[in-house]
Amino acid sequence: MQTLTQQTDAKDDKVSKIIERVLTQIFGKEATHLIYKHLERRYSVRRNEVSEKLELFAEGLEDFLKSGAYVIERKILEDVWSTYGLVQKSHLEKHGKGACFVSEMKQLLKEA
């Protein structure tokens, strides 16, 4: 039987992999690598810390991609819903704020 810490770590790892998969699908490996370098250099968010530092991840992604970040955040949310078999409950608007992404991710992780 897994402990709560192990379950949280497994969930964080799964979310980090979803995020990396989405970024790679959209941008390719090289551009995804540049995004992670930007996040690490400017926001101190390493690849394996993304799910733990969602606020900084969203802020860094928005800094790097500007308004294009919202489309990526939406795709990440959709993939998390799909992976966990959850019903989409998004209130994230087309041009919403990163805080919406962060709060929805946190809510999804609680439900998963």
N, C-alpha and C. Protein backbone atom coordinates (compact mmCIF):
# COMPACT_ATOMS: atom_id res chain seq x y z
N MET A 1 0.84 -1.18 0.00
CA MET A 1 0.00 0.00 0.00
C MET A 1 0.89 1.24 0.00
N GLN A 2 0.56 2.20 -0.90
CA GLN A 2 1.35 3.41 -1.01
C GLN A 2 0.99 4.40 0.09
N THR A 3 2.01 5.10 0.55
CA THR A 3 1.76 6.16 1.52
C THR A 3 1.25 7.39 0.78
N LEU A 4 0.73 8.35 1.52
CA LEU A 4 0.23 9.58 0.93
C LEU A 4 1.34 10.32 0.19
N THR A 5 2.54 10.32 0.74
CA THR A 5 3.67 10.98 0.10
C THR A 5 4.00 10.31 -1.23
N GLN A 6 3.99 8.99 -1.27
CA GLN A 6 4.26 8.26 -2.51
C GLN A 6 3.19 8.55 -3.55
N GLN A 7 1.93 8.62 -3.13
CA GLN A 7 0.84 8.93 -4.06
C GLN A 7 0.99 10.34 -4.62
N THR A 8 1.35 11.29 -3.77
CA THR A 8 1.54 12.67 -4.21
C THR A 8 2.71 12.75 -5.18
N ASP A 9 3.82 12.07 -4.86
CA ASP A 9 4.97 12.06 -5.75
C ASP A 9 4.63 11.45 -7.10
N ALA A 10 3.87 10.37 -7.10
CA ALA A 10 3.47 9.72 -8.35
C ALA A 10 2.58 10.64 -9.17
N LYS A 11 1.67 11.34 -8.51
CA LYS A 11 0.78 12.27 -9.19
C LYS A 11 1.57 13.44 -9.77
N ASP A 12 2.51 13.98 -8.99
CA ASP A 12 3.35 15.09 -9.46
C ASP A 12 4.16 14.66 -10.67
N ASP A 13 4.71 13.44 -10.62
CA ASP A 13 5.50 12.92 -11.73
C ASP A 13 4.63 12.76 -12.97
N LYS A 14 3.44 12.27 -12.79
CA LYS A 14 2.51 12.08 -13.90
C LYS A 14 2.14 13.42 -14.54
N VAL A 15 1.87 14.41 -13.72
CA VAL A 15 1.52 15.74 -14.22
C VAL A 15 2.71 16.36 -14.95
N SER A 16 3.91 16.22 -14.39
CA SER A 16 5.10 16.74 -15.05
C SER A 16 5.30 16.10 -16.42
N LYS A 17 5.03 14.81 -16.51
CA LYS A 17 5.16 14.11 -17.80
C LYS A 17 4.10 14.58 -18.80
N ILE A 18 2.89 14.84 -18.32
CA ILE A 18 1.83 15.35 -19.19
C ILE A 18 2.25 16.71 -19.74
N ILE A 19 2.74 17.57 -18.87
CA ILE A 19 3.16 18.90 -19.29
C ILE A 19 4.28 18.81 -20.32
N GLU A 20 5.25 17.96 -20.05
CA GLU A 20 6.36 17.80 -21.00
C GLU A 20 5.86 17.25 -22.33
N ARG A 21 4.94 16.30 -22.28
CA ARG A 21 4.39 15.72 -23.51
C ARG A 21 3.67 16.78 -24.34
N VAL A 22 2.87 17.61 -23.68
CA VAL A 22 2.14 18.67 -24.40
C VAL A 22 3.12 19.65 -25.03
N LEU A 23 4.10 20.10 -24.26
CA LEU A 23 5.08 21.04 -24.80
C LEU A 23 5.83 20.44 -25.99
N THR A 24 6.21 19.18 -25.88
CA THR A 24 6.95 18.52 -26.96
C THR A 24 6.08 18.32 -28.19
N GLN A 25 4.83 17.95 -27.99
CA GLN A 25 3.91 17.79 -29.13
C GLN A 25 3.74 19.08 -29.90
N ILE A 26 3.64 20.17 -29.18
CA ILE A 26 3.37 21.45 -29.82
C ILE A 26 4.62 22.10 -30.38
N PHE A 27 5.71 22.07 -29.61
CA PHE A 27 6.90 22.82 -29.99
C PHE A 27 8.07 21.97 -30.48
N GLY A 28 8.05 20.68 -30.21
CA GLY A 28 9.20 19.84 -30.54
C GLY A 28 10.18 19.82 -29.39
N LYS A 29 11.15 18.93 -29.49
CA LYS A 29 12.09 18.74 -28.38
C LYS A 29 12.99 19.94 -28.13
N GLU A 30 13.52 20.53 -29.21
CA GLU A 30 14.46 21.63 -29.03
C GLU A 30 13.81 22.86 -28.39
N ALA A 31 12.64 23.23 -28.88
CA ALA A 31 11.96 24.39 -28.31
C ALA A 31 11.49 24.12 -26.88
N THR A 32 11.07 22.89 -26.62
CA THR A 32 10.68 22.52 -25.25
C THR A 32 11.88 22.65 -24.32
N HIS A 33 13.04 22.23 -24.79
CA HIS A 33 14.27 22.37 -24.01
C HIS A 33 14.54 23.85 -23.70
N LEU A 34 14.32 24.73 -24.68
CA LEU A 34 14.52 26.17 -24.46
C LEU A 34 13.53 26.72 -23.44
N ILE A 35 12.30 26.25 -23.49
CA ILE A 35 11.29 26.68 -22.50
C ILE A 35 11.73 26.28 -21.10
N TYR A 36 12.18 25.03 -20.95
CA TYR A 36 12.63 24.58 -19.63
C TYR A 36 13.87 25.34 -19.17
N LYS A 37 14.77 25.67 -20.08
CA LYS A 37 15.95 26.46 -19.71
C LYS A 37 15.52 27.84 -19.22
N HIS A 38 14.56 28.44 -19.89
CA HIS A 38 14.03 29.74 -19.48
C HIS A 38 13.41 29.65 -18.08
N LEU A 39 12.60 28.61 -17.86
CA LEU A 39 11.96 28.42 -16.56
C LEU A 39 12.98 28.23 -15.45
N GLU A 40 14.02 27.48 -15.73
CA GLU A 40 15.03 27.23 -14.71
C GLU A 40 15.87 28.47 -14.44
N ARG A 41 16.26 29.15 -15.50
CA ARG A 41 17.14 30.32 -15.36
C ARG A 41 16.41 31.50 -14.72
N ARG A 42 15.20 31.80 -15.17
CA ARG A 42 14.51 33.01 -14.69
C ARG A 42 13.58 32.77 -13.52
N TYR A 43 13.09 31.52 -13.35
CA TYR A 43 12.09 31.26 -12.32
C TYR A 43 12.49 30.15 -11.34
N SER A 44 13.66 29.60 -11.51
CA SER A 44 14.17 28.53 -10.64
C SER A 44 13.21 27.34 -10.58
N VAL A 45 12.64 27.01 -11.73
CA VAL A 45 11.74 25.86 -11.83
C VAL A 45 12.41 24.84 -12.75
N ARG A 46 12.82 23.72 -12.14
CA ARG A 46 13.41 22.65 -12.95
C ARG A 46 12.30 21.77 -13.51
N ARG A 47 12.62 21.04 -14.53
CA ARG A 47 11.68 20.17 -15.23
C ARG A 47 10.89 19.28 -14.27
N ASN A 48 11.56 18.72 -13.28
CA ASN A 48 10.90 17.79 -12.36
C ASN A 48 10.15 18.50 -11.23
N GLU A 49 10.16 19.84 -11.22
CA GLU A 49 9.49 20.60 -10.17
C GLU A 49 8.23 21.33 -10.65
N VAL A 50 7.90 21.15 -11.91
CA VAL A 50 6.80 21.92 -12.50
C VAL A 50 5.50 21.76 -11.73
N SER A 51 5.13 20.54 -11.41
CA SER A 51 3.85 20.32 -10.73
C SER A 51 3.86 20.85 -9.29
N GLU A 52 5.03 20.97 -8.70
CA GLU A 52 5.15 21.51 -7.35
C GLU A 52 5.13 23.04 -7.34
N LYS A 53 5.54 23.64 -8.47
CA LYS A 53 5.65 25.10 -8.57
C LYS A 53 4.79 25.60 -9.72
N LEU A 54 3.50 25.26 -9.68
CA LEU A 54 2.60 25.61 -10.77
C LEU A 54 2.50 27.12 -11.01
N GLU A 55 2.51 27.91 -9.94
CA GLU A 55 2.41 29.35 -10.10
C GLU A 55 3.59 29.90 -10.89
N LEU A 56 4.78 29.47 -10.51
CA LEU A 56 5.99 29.93 -11.20
C LEU A 56 6.05 29.38 -12.62
N PHE A 57 5.61 28.13 -12.81
CA PHE A 57 5.57 27.56 -14.15
C PHE A 57 4.67 28.40 -15.06
N ALA A 58 3.46 28.71 -14.59
CA ALA A 58 2.51 29.50 -15.39
C ALA A 58 3.07 30.89 -15.67
N GLU A 59 3.66 31.50 -14.67
CA GLU A 59 4.23 32.84 -14.85
C GLU A 59 5.37 32.80 -15.87
N GLY A 60 6.23 31.81 -15.76
CA GLY A 60 7.35 31.67 -16.68
C GLY A 60 6.91 31.35 -18.10
N LEU A 61 5.91 30.50 -18.22
CA LEU A 61 5.38 30.15 -19.53
C LEU A 61 4.76 31.38 -20.20
N GLU A 62 4.03 32.17 -19.41
CA GLU A 62 3.42 33.39 -19.94
C GLU A 62 4.49 34.42 -20.31
N ASP A 63 5.55 34.48 -19.54
CA ASP A 63 6.65 35.38 -19.85
C ASP A 63 7.30 34.97 -21.17
N PHE A 64 7.48 33.68 -21.37
CA PHE A 64 8.16 33.17 -22.56
C PHE A 64 7.27 33.22 -23.80
N LEU A 65 5.99 32.83 -23.65
CA LEU A 65 5.11 32.69 -24.81
C LEU A 65 4.08 33.81 -24.95
N LYS A 66 4.05 34.72 -23.98
CA LYS A 66 3.06 35.81 -23.96
C LYS A 66 1.65 35.22 -24.02
N SER A 67 0.78 35.75 -24.87
CA SER A 67 -0.61 35.30 -24.91
C SER A 67 -0.75 33.86 -25.41
N GLY A 68 0.27 33.35 -26.09
CA GLY A 68 0.24 31.96 -26.56
C GLY A 68 0.25 30.96 -25.43
N ALA A 69 0.65 31.38 -24.25
CA ALA A 69 0.71 30.47 -23.10
C ALA A 69 -0.68 29.96 -22.72
N TYR A 70 -1.71 30.76 -22.94
CA TYR A 70 -3.06 30.36 -22.53
C TYR A 70 -3.54 29.15 -23.33
N VAL A 71 -3.16 29.08 -24.59
CA VAL A 71 -3.52 27.92 -25.42
C VAL A 71 -2.82 26.67 -24.90
N ILE A 72 -1.57 26.82 -24.52
CA ILE A 72 -0.80 25.69 -23.98
C ILE A 72 -1.38 25.25 -22.64
N GLU A 73 -1.70 26.20 -21.79
CA GLU A 73 -2.30 25.88 -20.49
C GLU A 73 -3.61 25.12 -20.68
N ARG A 74 -4.41 25.54 -21.64
CA ARG A 74 -5.68 24.88 -21.93
C ARG A 74 -5.45 23.43 -22.36
N LYS A 75 -4.46 23.22 -23.21
CA LYS A 75 -4.14 21.87 -23.69
C LYS A 75 -3.64 21.00 -22.54
N ILE A 76 -2.84 21.57 -21.67
CA ILE A 76 -2.36 20.83 -20.50
C ILE A 76 -3.54 20.40 -19.64
N LEU A 77 -4.45 21.32 -19.37
CA LEU A 77 -5.64 20.99 -18.58
C LEU A 77 -6.45 19.87 -19.24
N GLU A 78 -6.66 19.97 -20.53
CA GLU A 78 -7.42 18.94 -21.25
C GLU A 78 -6.75 17.57 -21.13
N ASP A 79 -5.42 17.55 -21.25
CA ASP A 79 -4.70 16.27 -21.14
C ASP A 79 -4.74 15.71 -19.72
N VAL A 80 -4.70 16.58 -18.73
CA VAL A 80 -4.81 16.11 -17.34
C VAL A 80 -6.20 15.53 -17.11
N TRP A 81 -7.24 16.23 -17.57
CA TRP A 81 -8.60 15.70 -17.44
C TRP A 81 -8.70 14.32 -18.08
N SER A 82 -8.19 14.23 -19.29
CA SER A 82 -8.27 12.98 -20.05
C SER A 82 -7.50 11.86 -19.35
N THR A 83 -6.31 12.15 -18.89
CA THR A 83 -5.47 11.14 -18.24
C THR A 83 -6.11 10.60 -16.98
N TYR A 84 -6.73 11.47 -16.21
CA TYR A 84 -7.34 11.05 -14.95
C TYR A 84 -8.81 10.66 -15.12
N GLY A 85 -9.34 10.72 -16.34
CA GLY A 85 -10.72 10.33 -16.59
C GLY A 85 -11.73 11.22 -15.91
N LEU A 86 -11.37 12.48 -15.72
CA LEU A 86 -12.26 13.42 -15.06
C LEU A 86 -13.10 14.17 -16.09
N VAL A 87 -14.26 14.60 -15.67
CA VAL A 87 -15.13 15.40 -16.52
C VAL A 87 -14.56 16.81 -16.57
N GLN A 88 -14.55 17.38 -17.77
CA GLN A 88 -14.02 18.73 -17.91
C GLN A 88 -14.95 19.73 -17.23
N LYS A 89 -14.37 20.47 -16.30
CA LYS A 89 -15.13 21.47 -15.55
C LYS A 89 -14.53 22.85 -15.71
N SER A 90 -13.89 23.08 -16.84
CA SER A 90 -13.12 24.30 -17.01
C SER A 90 -13.97 25.56 -17.01
N HIS A 91 -13.49 26.53 -16.28
CA HIS A 91 -14.05 27.88 -16.32
C HIS A 91 -13.00 28.82 -16.91
N LEU A 92 -11.95 28.19 -17.42
CA LEU A 92 -10.86 28.97 -18.01
C LEU A 92 -11.34 29.57 -19.32
N GLU A 93 -11.32 30.86 -19.40
CA GLU A 93 -11.77 31.54 -20.61
C GLU A 93 -10.66 31.53 -21.64
N LYS A 94 -11.03 31.79 -22.87
CA LYS A 94 -10.07 31.77 -23.96
C LYS A 94 -8.87 32.66 -23.67
N HIS A 95 -9.10 33.81 -23.09
CA HIS A 95 -8.00 34.71 -22.78
C HIS A 95 -7.93 34.94 -21.27
N GLY A 96 -8.07 33.87 -20.51
CA GLY A 96 -8.06 33.97 -19.06
C GLY A 96 -6.69 34.27 -18.51
N LYS A 97 -6.58 34.30 -17.24
CA LYS A 97 -5.30 34.60 -16.59
C LYS A 97 -4.66 33.31 -16.10
N GLY A 98 -3.33 33.36 -15.93
CA GLY A 98 -2.59 32.20 -15.49
C GLY A 98 -3.08 31.67 -14.15
N ALA A 99 -3.57 32.57 -13.30
CA ALA A 99 -4.06 32.15 -11.99
C ALA A 99 -5.19 31.14 -12.15
N CYS A 100 -6.02 31.31 -13.20
CA CYS A 100 -7.10 30.36 -13.47
C CYS A 100 -6.52 28.98 -13.77
N PHE A 101 -5.47 28.94 -14.57
CA PHE A 101 -4.81 27.69 -14.90
C PHE A 101 -4.30 27.03 -13.62
N VAL A 102 -3.63 27.79 -12.80
CA VAL A 102 -3.05 27.26 -11.56
C VAL A 102 -4.14 26.74 -10.64
N SER A 103 -5.19 27.51 -10.45
CA SER A 103 -6.25 27.07 -9.55
C SER A 103 -6.97 25.84 -10.09
N GLU A 104 -7.16 25.78 -11.40
CA GLU A 104 -7.79 24.59 -11.98
C GLU A 104 -6.90 23.37 -11.87
N MET A 105 -5.60 23.54 -12.08
CA MET A 105 -4.67 22.42 -11.93
C MET A 105 -4.70 21.90 -10.50
N LYS A 106 -4.68 22.80 -9.54
CA LYS A 106 -4.71 22.38 -8.14
C LYS A 106 -6.00 21.65 -7.82
N GLN A 107 -7.12 22.13 -8.34
CA GLN A 107 -8.39 21.47 -8.12
C GLN A 107 -8.40 20.09 -8.77
N LEU A 108 -7.90 19.99 -9.98
CA LEU A 108 -7.83 18.70 -10.67
C LEU A 108 -6.98 17.69 -9.89
N LEU A 109 -5.86 18.17 -9.36
CA LEU A 109 -4.97 17.28 -8.62
C LEU A 109 -5.61 16.80 -7.33
N LYS A 110 -6.48 17.61 -6.74
CA LYS A 110 -7.19 17.18 -5.55
C LYS A 110 -8.20 16.08 -5.89
N GLU A 111 -8.85 16.24 -7.06
CA GLU A 111 -9.89 15.29 -7.47
C GLU A 111 -9.30 13.98 -7.98
N ALA A 112 -8.09 14.05 -8.51
CA ALA A 112 -7.50 12.85 -9.13
C ALA A 112 -7.04 11.85 -8.11
